[in-house]
Amino acid sequence: MKVGEVFTKSWEVQNTGGCAWRVGFTFRHVGGDPMRGEIVTLTEAIPTGAIRNLSVQLVVPSGQSGLVQSAWRMADENGTFFGDTLTVNIVVEGPSQPAATNTP
């Protein structure tokens, strides 16, 4: 991916817990590069057993090349994290190298 490129990462998640994820629960960055992603706040409850997509708009960071990772996790209204940590891995292009030339 190229520095500055904007993309959307979506994860399909299932609430396998014993209670609904309530309005106000958040999906937030917890590790790696945040890639300028913003906190996602639930605007509707997700009942136990329900499957939904969580999406975050991200931007490929500058100043890095190669593998870059960002980690995200659900949190309740008190900020207590729960569930699995979900990650996105991208490969950022390095600076372009000038073409080699043969000098006589």
PDB file of N, CA and C in Angstrom:
ATOM      1  N   MET A   1       0.846  -1.172   0.000  1.00  0.00           N
ATOM      2  CA  MET A   1       0.000   0.000   0.000  1.00  0.00           C
ATOM      3  C   MET A   1       0.894   1.239   0.000  1.00  0.00           C
ATOM      4  N   LYS A   2       0.340   2.334  -0.459  1.00  0.00           N
ATOM      5  CA  LYS A   2       1.113   3.566  -0.563  1.00  0.00           C
ATOM      6  C   LYS A   2       0.822   4.485   0.609  1.00  0.00           C
ATOM      7  N   VAL A   3       1.846   5.205   1.059  1.00  0.00           N
ATOM      8  CA  VAL A   3       1.701   6.175   2.143  1.00  0.00           C
ATOM      9  C   VAL A   3       0.573   7.137   1.808  1.00  0.00           C
ATOM     10  N   GLY A   4      -0.297   7.389   2.777  1.00  0.00           N
ATOM     11  CA  GLY A   4      -1.403   8.321   2.603  1.00  0.00           C
ATOM     12  C   GLY A   4      -2.654   7.707   2.003  1.00  0.00           C
ATOM     13  N   GLU A   5      -2.556   6.468   1.545  1.00  0.00           N
ATOM     14  CA  GLU A   5      -3.723   5.800   0.966  1.00  0.00           C
ATOM     15  C   GLU A   5      -4.786   5.583   2.046  1.00  0.00           C
ATOM     16  N   VAL A   6      -6.028   5.903   1.716  1.00  0.00           N
ATOM     17  CA  VAL A   6      -7.149   5.729   2.638  1.00  0.00           C
ATOM     18  C   VAL A   6      -7.851   4.420   2.293  1.00  0.00           C
ATOM     19  N   PHE A   7      -8.179   3.628   3.321  1.00  0.00           N
ATOM     20  CA  PHE A   7      -8.894   2.370   3.090  1.00  0.00           C
ATOM     21  C   PHE A   7      -9.803   2.086   4.275  1.00  0.00           C
ATOM     22  N   THR A   8     -10.765   1.220   4.070  1.00  0.00           N
ATOM     23  CA  THR A   8     -11.680   0.820   5.129  1.00  0.00           C
ATOM     24  C   THR A   8     -11.428  -0.643   5.452  1.00  0.00           C
ATOM     25  N   LYS A   9     -11.205  -0.911   6.735  1.00  0.00           N
ATOM     26  CA  LYS A   9     -11.051  -2.284   7.215  1.00  0.00           C
ATOM     27  C   LYS A   9     -12.342  -2.674   7.921  1.00  0.00           C
ATOM     28  N   SER A  10     -12.898  -3.818   7.555  1.00  0.00           N
ATOM     29  CA  SER A  10     -14.113  -4.337   8.191  1.00  0.00           C
ATOM     30  C   SER A  10     -13.833  -5.706   8.773  1.00  0.00           C
ATOM     31  N   TRP A  11     -14.370  -5.937   9.944  1.00  0.00           N
ATOM     32  CA  TRP A  11     -14.296  -7.237  10.598  1.00  0.00           C
ATOM     33  C   TRP A  11     -15.712  -7.741  10.807  1.00  0.00           C
ATOM     34  N   GLU A  12     -15.967  -9.011  10.542  1.00  0.00           N
ATOM     35  CA  GLU A  12     -17.248  -9.611  10.884  1.00  0.00           C
ATOM     36  C   GLU A  12     -17.110 -10.162  12.296  1.00  0.00           C
ATOM     37  N   VAL A  13     -17.951  -9.692  13.214  1.00  0.00           N
ATOM     38  CA  VAL A  13     -17.857 -10.091  14.612  1.00  0.00           C
ATOM     39  C   VAL A  13     -19.176 -10.702  15.060  1.00  0.00           C
ATOM     40  N   GLN A  14     -19.076 -11.556  16.065  1.00  0.00           N
ATOM     41  CA  GLN A  14     -20.271 -12.145  16.648  1.00  0.00           C
ATOM     42  C   GLN A  14     -20.244 -11.945  18.155  1.00  0.00           C
ATOM     43  N   ASN A  15     -21.361 -11.522  18.706  1.00  0.00           N
ATOM     44  CA  ASN A  15     -21.495 -11.381  20.148  1.00  0.00           C
ATOM     45  C   ASN A  15     -21.778 -12.770  20.714  1.00  0.00           C
ATOM     46  N   THR A  16     -20.755 -13.384  21.281  1.00  0.00           N
ATOM     47  CA  THR A  16     -20.902 -14.731  21.856  1.00  0.00           C
ATOM     48  C   THR A  16     -21.025 -14.680  23.375  1.00  0.00           C
ATOM     49  N   GLY A  17     -21.156 -13.475  23.915  1.00  0.00           N
ATOM     50  CA  GLY A  17     -21.260 -13.308  25.369  1.00  0.00           C
ATOM     51  C   GLY A  17     -22.667 -13.563  25.878  1.00  0.00           C
ATOM     52  N   GLY A  18     -22.858 -13.314  27.159  1.00  0.00           N
ATOM     53  CA  GLY A  18     -24.130 -13.580  27.813  1.00  0.00           C
ATOM     54  C   GLY A  18     -25.085 -12.405  27.843  1.00  0.00           C
ATOM     55  N   CYS A  19     -24.678 -11.249  27.288  1.00  0.00           N
ATOM     56  CA  CYS A  19     -25.565 -10.083  27.276  1.00  0.00           C
ATOM     57  C   CYS A  19     -25.324  -9.282  26.001  1.00  0.00           C
ATOM     58  N   ALA A  20     -26.286  -8.426  25.687  1.00  0.00           N
ATOM     59  CA  ALA A  20     -26.176  -7.581  24.494  1.00  0.00           C
ATOM     60  C   ALA A  20     -25.049  -6.571  24.661  1.00  0.00           C
ATOM     61  N   TRP A  21     -24.437  -6.200  23.537  1.00  0.00           N
ATOM     62  CA  TRP A  21     -23.524  -5.067  23.529  1.00  0.00           C
ATOM     63  C   TRP A  21     -24.414  -3.839  23.394  1.00  0.00           C
ATOM     64  N   ARG A  22     -24.411  -2.993  24.392  1.00  0.00           N
ATOM     65  CA  ARG A  22     -25.335  -1.865  24.458  1.00  0.00           C
ATOM     66  C   ARG A  22     -24.855  -0.667  23.632  1.00  0.00           C
ATOM     67  N   VAL A  23     -25.827   0.184  23.334  1.00  0.00           N
ATOM     68  CA  VAL A  23     -25.514   1.462  22.696  1.00  0.00           C
ATOM     69  C   VAL A  23     -24.492   2.171  23.582  1.00  0.00           C
ATOM     70  N   GLY A  24     -23.459   2.722  22.974  1.00  0.00           N
ATOM     71  CA  GLY A  24     -22.400   3.396  23.727  1.00  0.00           C
ATOM     72  C   GLY A  24     -21.157   2.546  23.905  1.00  0.00           C
ATOM     73  N   PHE A  25     -21.263   1.216  23.692  1.00  0.00           N
ATOM     74  CA  PHE A  25     -20.053   0.391  23.683  1.00  0.00           C
ATOM     75  C   PHE A  25     -19.197   0.885  22.523  1.00  0.00           C
ATOM     76  N   THR A  26     -17.880   0.709  22.638  1.00  0.00           N
ATOM     77  CA  THR A  26     -16.979   1.220  21.608  1.00  0.00           C
ATOM     78  C   THR A  26     -16.057   0.130  21.078  1.00  0.00           C
ATOM     79  N   PHE A  27     -15.552   0.390  19.885  1.00  0.00           N
ATOM     80  CA  PHE A  27     -14.525  -0.430  19.246  1.00  0.00           C
ATOM     81  C   PHE A  27     -13.377   0.528  19.035  1.00  0.00           C
ATOM     82  N   ARG A  28     -12.213   0.246  19.695  1.00  0.00           N
ATOM     83  CA  ARG A  28     -11.153   1.246  19.715  1.00  0.00           C
ATOM     84  C   ARG A  28      -9.772   0.640  19.523  1.00  0.00           C
ATOM     85  N   HIS A  29      -8.857   1.500  19.125  1.00  0.00           N
ATOM     86  CA  HIS A  29      -7.457   1.120  18.911  1.00  0.00           C
ATOM     87  C   HIS A  29      -6.810   0.756  20.244  1.00  0.00           C
ATOM     88  N   VAL A  30      -6.065  -0.377  20.265  1.00  0.00           N
ATOM     89  CA  VAL A  30      -5.394  -0.805  21.497  1.00  0.00           C
ATOM     90  C   VAL A  30      -3.913  -1.104  21.315  1.00  0.00           C
ATOM     91  N   GLY A  31      -3.417  -1.097  20.088  1.00  0.00           N
ATOM     92  CA  GLY A  31      -2.003  -1.391  19.907  1.00  0.00           C
ATOM     93  C   GLY A  31      -1.560  -1.243  18.468  1.00  0.00           C
ATOM     94  N   GLY A  32      -0.250  -1.191  18.289  1.00  0.00           N
ATOM     95  CA  GLY A  32       0.300  -0.995  16.960  1.00  0.00           C
ATOM     96  C   GLY A  32       0.091   0.445  16.512  1.00  0.00           C
ATOM     97  N   ASP A  33       0.084   0.660  15.218  1.00  0.00           N
ATOM     98  CA  ASP A  33      -0.099   2.001  14.657  1.00  0.00           C
ATOM     99  C   ASP A  33      -1.597   2.284  14.529  1.00  0.00           C
ATOM    100  N   PRO A  34      -2.082   3.407  15.043  1.00  0.00           N
ATOM    101  CA  PRO A  34      -3.521   3.687  14.949  1.00  0.00           C
ATOM    102  C   PRO A  34      -4.010   3.978  13.526  1.00  0.00           C
ATOM    103  N   MET A  35      -3.100   4.271  12.622  1.00  0.00           N
ATOM    104  CA  MET A  35      -3.433   4.566  11.223  1.00  0.00           C
ATOM    105  C   MET A  35      -4.556   5.594  11.107  1.00  0.00           C
ATOM    106  N   ARG A  36      -4.578   6.532  12.055  1.00  0.00           N
ATOM    107  CA  ARG A  36      -5.556   7.628  12.088  1.00  0.00           C
ATOM    108  C   ARG A  36      -6.999   7.142  12.175  1.00  0.00           C
ATOM    109  N   GLY A  37      -7.192   5.907  12.637  1.00  0.00           N
ATOM    110  CA  GLY A  37      -8.543   5.385  12.816  1.00  0.00           C
ATOM    111  C   GLY A  37      -9.213   6.010  14.023  1.00  0.00           C
ATOM    112  N   GLU A  38     -10.515   6.208  13.942  1.00  0.00           N
ATOM    113  CA  GLU A  38     -11.277   6.810  15.028  1.00  0.00           C
ATOM    114  C   GLU A  38     -12.101   5.760  15.757  1.00  0.00           C
ATOM    115  N   ILE A  39     -12.419   6.039  16.998  1.00  0.00           N
ATOM    116  CA  ILE A  39     -13.245   5.155  17.808  1.00  0.00           C
ATOM    117  C   ILE A  39     -14.606   4.994  17.145  1.00  0.00           C
ATOM    118  N   VAL A  40     -15.093   3.744  17.111  1.00  0.00           N
ATOM    119  CA  VAL A  40     -16.432   3.457  16.614  1.00  0.00           C
ATOM    120  C   VAL A  40     -17.327   3.263  17.837  1.00  0.00           C
ATOM    121  N   THR A  41     -18.411   4.025  17.922  1.00  0.00           N
ATOM    122  CA  THR A  41     -19.354   3.910  19.030  1.00  0.00           C
ATOM    123  C   THR A  41     -20.635   3.270  18.513  1.00  0.00           C
ATOM    124  N   LEU A  42     -21.080   2.210  19.199  1.00  0.00           N
ATOM    125  CA  LEU A  42     -22.299   1.529  18.766  1.00  0.00           C
ATOM    126  C   LEU A  42     -23.504   2.455  18.916  1.00  0.00           C
ATOM    127  N   THR A  43     -24.319   2.516  17.871  1.00  0.00           N
ATOM    128  CA  THR A  43     -25.538   3.323  17.892  1.00  0.00           C
ATOM    129  C   THR A  43     -26.781   2.450  18.001  1.00  0.00           C
ATOM    130  N   GLU A  44     -26.577   1.139  17.963  1.00  0.00           N
ATOM    131  CA  GLU A  44     -27.663   0.193  18.196  1.00  0.00           C
ATOM    132  C   GLU A  44     -27.091  -0.992  18.966  1.00  0.00           C
ATOM    133  N   ALA A  45     -27.913  -1.601  19.805  1.00  0.00           N
ATOM    134  CA  ALA A  45     -27.464  -2.754  20.585  1.00  0.00           C
ATOM    135  C   ALA A  45     -27.235  -3.945  19.654  1.00  0.00           C
ATOM    136  N   ILE A  46     -26.277  -4.786  20.036  1.00  0.00           N
ATOM    137  CA  ILE A  46     -26.012  -6.022  19.299  1.00  0.00           C
ATOM    138  C   ILE A  46     -26.343  -7.176  20.241  1.00  0.00           C
ATOM    139  N   PRO A  47     -27.455  -7.880  19.992  1.00  0.00           N
ATOM    140  CA  PRO A  47     -27.873  -8.931  20.918  1.00  0.00           C
ATOM    141  C   PRO A  47     -26.932 -10.131  20.908  1.00  0.00           C
ATOM    142  N   THR A  48     -27.014 -10.921  21.961  1.00  0.00           N
ATOM    143  CA  THR A  48     -26.225 -12.152  22.052  1.00  0.00           C
ATOM    144  C   THR A  48     -26.506 -13.015  20.828  1.00  0.00           C
ATOM    145  N   GLY A  49     -25.439 -13.522  20.224  1.00  0.00           N
ATOM    146  CA  GLY A  49     -25.542 -14.389  19.056  1.00  0.00           C
ATOM    147  C   GLY A  49     -25.548 -13.648  17.734  1.00  0.00           C
ATOM    148  N   ALA A  50     -25.779 -12.343  17.748  1.00  0.00           N
ATOM    149  CA  ALA A  50     -25.870 -11.572  16.504  1.00  0.00           C
ATOM    150  C   ALA A  50     -24.493 -11.388  15.875  1.00  0.00           C
ATOM    151  N   ILE A  51     -24.486 -11.331  14.551  1.00  0.00           N
ATOM    152  CA  ILE A  51     -23.268 -11.088  13.773  1.00  0.00           C
ATOM    153  C   ILE A  51     -23.408  -9.732  13.093  1.00  0.00           C
ATOM    154  N   ARG A  52     -22.358  -8.926  13.197  1.00  0.00           N
ATOM    155  CA  ARG A  52     -22.342  -7.598  12.583  1.00  0.00           C
ATOM    156  C   ARG A  52     -20.962  -7.331  11.993  1.00  0.00           C
ATOM    157  N   ASN A  53     -20.904  -6.325  11.130  1.00  0.00           N
ATOM    158  CA  ASN A  53     -19.626  -5.842  10.617  1.00  0.00           C
ATOM    159  C   ASN A  53     -19.246  -4.578  11.373  1.00  0.00           C
ATOM    160  N   LEU A  54     -18.003  -4.514  11.807  1.00  0.00           N
ATOM    161  CA  LEU A  54     -17.438  -3.303  12.388  1.00  0.00           C
ATOM    162  C   LEU A  54     -16.404  -2.796  11.391  1.00  0.00           C
ATOM    163  N   SER A  55     -16.510  -1.530  11.012  1.00  0.00           N
ATOM    164  CA  SER A  55     -15.610  -0.960  10.005  1.00  0.00           C
ATOM    165  C   SER A  55     -14.945   0.295  10.532  1.00  0.00           C
ATOM    166  N   VAL A  56     -13.673   0.457  10.156  1.00  0.00           N
ATOM    167  CA  VAL A  56     -12.891   1.624  10.549  1.00  0.00           C
ATOM    168  C   VAL A  56     -12.182   2.147   9.298  1.00  0.00           C
ATOM    169  N   GLN A  57     -12.283   3.456   9.070  1.00  0.00           N
ATOM    170  CA  GLN A  57     -11.530   4.062   7.979  1.00  0.00           C
ATOM    171  C   GLN A  57     -10.122   4.332   8.485  1.00  0.00           C
ATOM    172  N   LEU A  58      -9.123   3.877   7.736  1.00  0.00           N
ATOM    173  CA  LEU A  58      -7.722   3.992   8.131  1.00  0.00           C
ATOM    174  C   LEU A  58      -6.924   4.672   7.029  1.00  0.00           C
ATOM    175  N   VAL A  59      -5.746   5.183   7.396  1.00  0.00           N
ATOM    176  CA  VAL A  59      -4.845   5.838   6.451  1.00  0.00           C
ATOM    177  C   VAL A  59      -3.467   5.200   6.605  1.00  0.00           C
ATOM    178  N   VAL A  60      -2.870   4.821   5.488  1.00  0.00           N
ATOM    179  CA  VAL A  60      -1.529   4.226   5.518  1.00  0.00           C
ATOM    180  C   VAL A  60      -0.554   5.258   6.081  1.00  0.00           C
ATOM    181  N   PRO A  61       0.168   4.907   7.162  1.00  0.00           N
ATOM    182  CA  PRO A  61       1.049   5.878   7.825  1.00  0.00           C
ATOM    183  C   PRO A  61       2.307   6.184   7.021  1.00  0.00           C
ATOM    184  N   SER A  62       2.862   7.357   7.276  1.00  0.00           N
ATOM    185  CA  SER A  62       4.137   7.738   6.665  1.00  0.00           C
ATOM    186  C   SER A  62       5.254   7.409   7.642  1.00  0.00           C
ATOM    187  N   GLY A  63       6.472   7.414   7.152  1.00  0.00           N
ATOM    188  CA  GLY A  63       7.631   7.189   8.009  1.00  0.00           C
ATOM    189  C   GLY A  63       7.873   5.731   8.339  1.00  0.00           C
ATOM    190  N   GLN A  64       7.107   4.843   7.721  1.00  0.00           N
ATOM    191  CA  GLN A  64       7.287   3.407   7.949  1.00  0.00           C
ATOM    192  C   GLN A  64       7.214   2.702   6.607  1.00  0.00           C
ATOM    193  N   SER A  65       7.888   1.583   6.506  1.00  0.00           N
ATOM    194  CA  SER A  65       7.734   0.738   5.331  1.00  0.00           C
ATOM    195  C   SER A  65       7.761  -0.704   5.804  1.00  0.00           C
ATOM    196  N   GLY A  66       7.272  -1.576   4.954  1.00  0.00           N
ATOM    197  CA  GLY A  66       7.169  -2.982   5.331  1.00  0.00           C
ATOM    198  C   GLY A  66       5.871  -3.240   6.089  1.00  0.00           C
ATOM    199  N   LEU A  67       5.879  -4.262   6.938  1.00  0.00           N
ATOM    200  CA  LEU A  67       4.685  -4.679   7.664  1.00  0.00           C
ATOM    201  C   LEU A  67       4.315  -3.676   8.761  1.00  0.00           C
ATOM    202  N   VAL A  68       3.062  -3.228   8.755  1.00  0.00           N
ATOM    203  CA  VAL A  68       2.536  -2.333   9.781  1.00  0.00           C
ATOM    204  C   VAL A  68       1.235  -2.957  10.289  1.00  0.00           C
ATOM    205  N   GLN A  69       1.073  -2.993  11.605  1.00  0.00           N
ATOM    206  CA  GLN A  69      -0.097  -3.617  12.210  1.00  0.00           C
ATOM    207  C   GLN A  69      -0.851  -2.614  13.079  1.00  0.00           C
ATOM    208  N   SER A  70      -2.163  -2.793  13.131  1.00  0.00           N
ATOM    209  CA  SER A  70      -3.017  -2.006  14.021  1.00  0.00           C
ATOM    210  C   SER A  70      -3.953  -2.984  14.720  1.00  0.00           C
ATOM    211  N   ALA A  71      -4.136  -2.828  16.051  1.00  0.00           N
ATOM    212  CA  ALA A  71      -4.967  -3.735  16.837  1.00  0.00           C
ATOM    213  C   ALA A  71      -6.143  -2.978  17.448  1.00  0.00           C
ATOM    214  N   TRP A  72      -7.325  -3.614  17.453  1.00  0.00           N
ATOM    215  CA  TRP A  72      -8.574  -2.990  17.893  1.00  0.00           C
ATOM    216  C   TRP A  72      -9.336  -3.957  18.788  1.00  0.00           C
ATOM    217  N   ARG A  73     -10.143  -3.386  19.701  1.00  0.00           N
ATOM    218  CA  ARG A  73     -10.869  -4.228  20.644  1.00  0.00           C
ATOM    219  C   ARG A  73     -12.150  -3.531  21.116  1.00  0.00           C
ATOM    220  N   MET A  74     -13.143  -4.312  21.485  1.00  0.00           N
ATOM    221  CA  MET A  74     -14.395  -3.777  22.029  1.00  0.00           C
ATOM    222  C   MET A  74     -14.194  -3.351  23.477  1.00  0.00           C
ATOM    223  N   ALA A  75     -14.964  -2.336  23.905  1.00  0.00           N
ATOM    224  CA  ALA A  75     -14.957  -1.880  25.300  1.00  0.00           C
ATOM    225  C   ALA A  75     -16.383  -1.514  25.696  1.00  0.00           C
ATOM    226  N   ASP A  76     -16.717  -1.756  26.951  1.00  0.00           N
ATOM    227  CA  ASP A  76     -18.047  -1.383  27.442  1.00  0.00           C
ATOM    228  C   ASP A  76     -18.091   0.107  27.759  1.00  0.00           C
ATOM    229  N   GLU A  77     -19.217   0.572  28.293  1.00  0.00           N
ATOM    230  CA  GLU A  77     -19.380   2.008  28.553  1.00  0.00           C
ATOM    231  C   GLU A  77     -18.445   2.532  29.634  1.00  0.00           C
ATOM    232  N   ASN A  78     -17.827   1.624  30.414  1.00  0.00           N
ATOM    233  CA  ASN A  78     -16.850   2.028  31.432  1.00  0.00           C
ATOM    234  C   ASN A  78     -15.413   1.993  30.905  1.00  0.00           C
ATOM    235  N   GLY A  79     -15.255   1.608  29.637  1.00  0.00           N
ATOM    236  CA  GLY A  79     -13.923   1.523  29.053  1.00  0.00           C
ATOM    237  C   GLY A  79     -13.219   0.206  29.324  1.00  0.00           C
ATOM    238  N   THR A  80     -13.933  -0.782  29.875  1.00  0.00           N
ATOM    239  CA  THR A  80     -13.351  -2.095  30.148  1.00  0.00           C
ATOM    240  C   THR A  80     -13.361  -2.921  28.864  1.00  0.00           C
ATOM    241  N   PHE A  81     -12.177  -3.347  28.452  1.00  0.00           N
ATOM    242  CA  PHE A  81     -12.061  -4.121  27.223  1.00  0.00           C
ATOM    243  C   PHE A  81     -12.566  -5.543  27.430  1.00  0.00           C
ATOM    244  N   PHE A  82     -13.105  -6.110  26.346  1.00  0.00           N
ATOM    245  CA  PHE A  82     -13.554  -7.504  26.384  1.00  0.00           C
ATOM    246  C   PHE A  82     -13.440  -8.092  24.981  1.00  0.00           C
ATOM    247  N   GLY A  83     -13.468  -9.400  24.918  1.00  0.00           N
ATOM    248  CA  GLY A  83     -13.414 -10.085  23.629  1.00  0.00           C
ATOM    249  C   GLY A  83     -12.012 -10.126  23.052  1.00  0.00           C
ATOM    250  N   ASP A  84     -11.948 -10.677  21.858  1.00  0.00           N
ATOM    251  CA  ASP A  84     -10.670 -10.843  21.167  1.00  0.00           C
ATOM    252  C   ASP A  84     -10.141  -9.512  20.640  1.00  0.00           C
ATOM    253  N   THR A  85      -8.826  -9.421  20.516  1.00  0.00           N
ATOM    254  CA  THR A  85      -8.187  -8.295  19.845  1.00  0.00           C
ATOM    255  C   THR A  85      -8.181  -8.610  18.354  1.00  0.00           C
ATOM    256  N   LEU A  86      -8.666  -7.671  17.554  1.00  0.00           N
ATOM    257  CA  LEU A  86      -8.722  -7.840  16.106  1.00  0.00           C
ATOM    258  C   LEU A  86      -7.641  -6.977  15.475  1.00  0.00           C
ATOM    259  N   THR A  87      -6.993  -7.505  14.459  1.00  0.00           N
ATOM    260  CA  THR A  87      -5.873  -6.778  13.865  1.00  0.00           C
ATOM    261  C   THR A  87      -6.052  -6.594  12.364  1.00  0.00           C
ATOM    262  N   VAL A  88      -5.353  -5.604  11.871  1.00  0.00           N
ATOM    263  CA  VAL A  88      -5.203  -5.395  10.435  1.00  0.00           C
ATOM    264  C   VAL A  88      -3.704  -5.298  10.181  1.00  0.00           C
ATOM    265  N   ASN A  89      -3.236  -6.009   9.164  1.00  0.00           N
ATOM    266  CA  ASN A  89      -1.834  -5.995   8.766  1.00  0.00           C
ATOM    267  C   ASN A  89      -1.753  -5.484   7.334  1.00  0.00           C
ATOM    268  N   ILE A  90      -0.885  -4.502   7.111  1.00  0.00           N
ATOM    269  CA  ILE A  90      -0.666  -3.991   5.767  1.00  0.00           C
ATOM    270  C   ILE A  90       0.837  -3.982   5.486  1.00  0.00           C
ATOM    271  N   VAL A  91       1.172  -3.973   4.218  1.00  0.00           N
ATOM    272  CA  VAL A  91       2.570  -3.818   3.814  1.00  0.00           C
ATOM    273  C   VAL A  91       2.677  -2.478   3.104  1.00  0.00           C
ATOM    274  N   VAL A  92       3.499  -1.598   3.685  1.00  0.00           N
ATOM    275  CA  VAL A  92       3.668  -0.247   3.165  1.00  0.00           C
ATOM    276  C   VAL A  92       4.874  -0.229   2.241  1.00  0.00           C
ATOM    277  N   GLU A  93       4.659   0.337   1.058  1.00  0.00           N
ATOM    278  CA  GLU A  93       5.758   0.459   0.100  1.00  0.00           C
ATOM    279  C   GLU A  93       6.856   1.327   0.677  1.00  0.00           C
ATOM    280  N   GLY A  94       8.111   0.923   0.411  1.00  0.00           N
ATOM    281  CA  GLY A  94       9.245   1.746   0.830  1.00  0.00           C
ATOM    282  C   GLY A  94       9.466   2.848  -0.175  1.00  0.00           C
ATOM    283  N   PRO A  95      10.409   3.757   0.104  1.00  0.00           N
ATOM    284  CA  PRO A  95      10.706   4.818  -0.848  1.00  0.00           C
ATOM    285  C   PRO A  95      11.162   4.211  -2.171  1.00  0.00           C
ATOM    286  N   SER A  96      10.740   4.822  -3.277  1.00  0.00           N
ATOM    287  CA  SER A  96      11.116   4.285  -4.567  1.00  0.00           C
ATOM    288  C   SER A  96      12.630   4.472  -4.787  1.00  0.00           C
ATOM    289  N   GLN A  97      13.210   3.496  -5.398  1.00  0.00           N
ATOM    290  CA  GLN A  97      14.649   3.516  -5.700  1.00  0.00           C
ATOM    291  C   GLN A  97      14.831   3.957  -7.142  1.00  0.00           C
ATOM    292  N   PRO A  98      15.823   4.800  -7.403  1.00  0.00           N
ATOM    293  CA  PRO A  98      16.071   5.180  -8.802  1.00  0.00           C
ATOM    294  C   PRO A  98      16.525   3.954  -9.615  1.00  0.00           C
ATOM    295  N   ALA A  99      16.142   3.956 -10.861  1.00  0.00           N
ATOM    296  CA  ALA A  99      16.518   2.847 -11.729  1.00  0.00           C
ATOM    297  C   ALA A  99      18.043   2.815 -11.906  1.00  0.00           C
ATOM    298  N   ALA A 100      18.585   1.608 -11.907  1.00  0.00           N
ATOM    299  CA  ALA A 100      20.033   1.455 -12.097  1.00  0.00           C
ATOM    300  C   ALA A 100      20.384   1.778 -13.544  1.00  0.00           C
ATOM    301  N   THR A 101      21.498   2.433 -13.728  1.00  0.00           N
ATOM    302  CA  THR A 101      21.971   2.732 -15.090  1.00  0.00           C
ATOM    303  C   THR A 101      23.392   2.230 -15.219  1.00  0.00           C
ATOM    304  N   ASN A 102      23.739   1.875 -16.437  1.00  0.00           N
ATOM    305  CA  ASN A 102      25.124   1.443 -16.705  1.00  0.00           C
ATOM    306  C   ASN A 102      25.891   2.648 -17.192  1.00  0.00           C
ATOM    307  N   THR A 103      26.992   2.950 -16.504  1.00  0.00           N
ATOM    308  CA  THR A 103      27.833   4.065 -16.902  1.00  0.00           C
ATOM    309  C   THR A 103      29.073   3.509 -17.573  1.00  0.00           C
ATOM    310  N   PRO A 104      29.355   3.973 -18.810  1.00  0.00           N
ATOM    311  CA  PRO A 104      30.543   3.442 -19.521  1.00  0.00           C
ATOM    312  C   PRO A 104      31.845   3.841 -18.866  1.00  0.00           C
TER     313      PRO A 104
END
